[in-house]
Amino acid sequence: MGCCSPNSHEQVKEQEEKVNENDKPTVPVWVKIVSATLVITAISFQIW
């Protein structure tokens, strides 16, 4: 299959859609915020 094949563009689009579907974040944003808050709190207690 060359670059000029009529199906090549369709296959590239399908592959991009699959990659975009799998690219969704696995950790929710609120978990990241809570984790960052806990880490910052722990570090601030260590400094004091």
C-alpha atoms as a PDB file:
ATOM      1  CA  MET A   1       0.000   0.000   0.000  1.00  0.00           C
ATOM      2  CA  GLY A   2       1.444   3.306  -1.024  1.00  0.00           C
ATOM      3  CA  CYS A   3       0.734   6.800   0.125  1.00  0.00           C
ATOM      4  CA  CYS A   4      -1.639   7.333  -2.775  1.00  0.00           C
ATOM      5  CA  SER A   5      -3.890   4.375  -2.015  1.00  0.00           C
ATOM      6  CA  PRO A   6      -7.528   5.449  -1.598  1.00  0.00           C
ATOM      7  CA  ASN A   7      -7.853   3.453   1.616  1.00  0.00           C
ATOM      8  CA  SER A   8      -4.688   4.802   3.257  1.00  0.00           C
ATOM      9  CA  HIS A   9      -6.314   8.039   4.406  1.00  0.00           C
ATOM     10  CA  GLU A  10      -9.260   6.182   5.909  1.00  0.00           C
ATOM     11  CA  GLN A  11      -6.956   3.791   7.760  1.00  0.00           C
ATOM     12  CA  VAL A  12      -4.884   6.676   9.127  1.00  0.00           C
ATOM     13  CA  LYS A  13      -8.056   8.371  10.390  1.00  0.00           C
ATOM     14  CA  GLU A  14      -9.205   5.162  12.073  1.00  0.00           C
ATOM     15  CA  GLN A  15      -5.822   4.708  13.759  1.00  0.00           C
ATOM     16  CA  GLU A  16      -5.836   8.321  14.977  1.00  0.00           C
ATOM     17  CA  GLU A  17      -9.324   7.871  16.434  1.00  0.00           C
ATOM     18  CA  LYS A  18      -8.210   4.743  18.297  1.00  0.00           C
ATOM     19  CA  VAL A  19      -5.167   6.550  19.708  1.00  0.00           C
ATOM     20  CA  ASN A  20      -7.306   9.510  20.774  1.00  0.00           C
ATOM     21  CA  GLU A  21      -9.765   7.183  22.533  1.00  0.00           C
ATOM     22  CA  ASN A  22      -6.936   5.517  24.454  1.00  0.00           C
ATOM     23  CA  ASP A  23      -5.351   8.883  25.305  1.00  0.00           C
ATOM     24  CA  LYS A  24      -7.959   9.791  27.915  1.00  0.00           C
ATOM     25  CA  PRO A  25      -6.568  10.385  31.411  1.00  0.00           C
ATOM     26  CA  THR A  26      -6.836   7.383  33.703  1.00  0.00           C
ATOM     27  CA  VAL A  27      -6.615   9.385  36.957  1.00  0.00           C
ATOM     28  CA  PRO A  28      -9.442  11.835  37.661  1.00  0.00           C
ATOM     29  CA  VAL A  29      -8.511  15.474  38.145  1.00  0.00           C
ATOM     30  CA  TRP A  30      -9.851  15.594  41.709  1.00  0.00           C
ATOM     31  CA  VAL A  31      -7.522  12.746  42.710  1.00  0.00           C
ATOM     32  CA  LYS A  32      -4.556  14.711  41.374  1.00  0.00           C
ATOM     33  CA  ILE A  33      -5.661  17.825  43.277  1.00  0.00           C
ATOM     34  CA  VAL A  34      -6.104  15.925  46.542  1.00  0.00           C
ATOM     35  CA  SER A  35      -2.741  14.197  46.122  1.00  0.00           C
ATOM     36  CA  ALA A  36      -0.957  17.466  45.412  1.00  0.00           C
ATOM     37  CA  THR A  37      -2.608  19.086  48.438  1.00  0.00           C
ATOM     38  CA  LEU A  38      -1.516  16.241  50.698  1.00  0.00           C
ATOM     39  CA  VAL A  39       2.055  16.367  49.411  1.00  0.00           C
ATOM     40  CA  ILE A  40       2.276  20.137  49.844  1.00  0.00           C
ATOM     41  CA  THR A  41       0.828  19.876  53.355  1.00  0.00           C
ATOM     42  CA  ALA A  42       3.306  17.155  54.317  1.00  0.00           C
ATOM     43  CA  ILE A  43       6.231  19.184  52.985  1.00  0.00           C
ATOM     44  CA  SER A  44       5.087  22.312  54.817  1.00  0.00           C
ATOM     45  CA  PHE A  45       4.870  20.363  58.099  1.00  0.00           C
ATOM     46  CA  GLN A  46       8.395  19.060  57.547  1.00  0.00           C
ATOM     47  CA  ILE A  47       9.704  22.598  57.074  1.00  0.00           C
ATOM     48  CA  TRP A  48       8.053  23.835  60.271  1.00  0.00           C
END
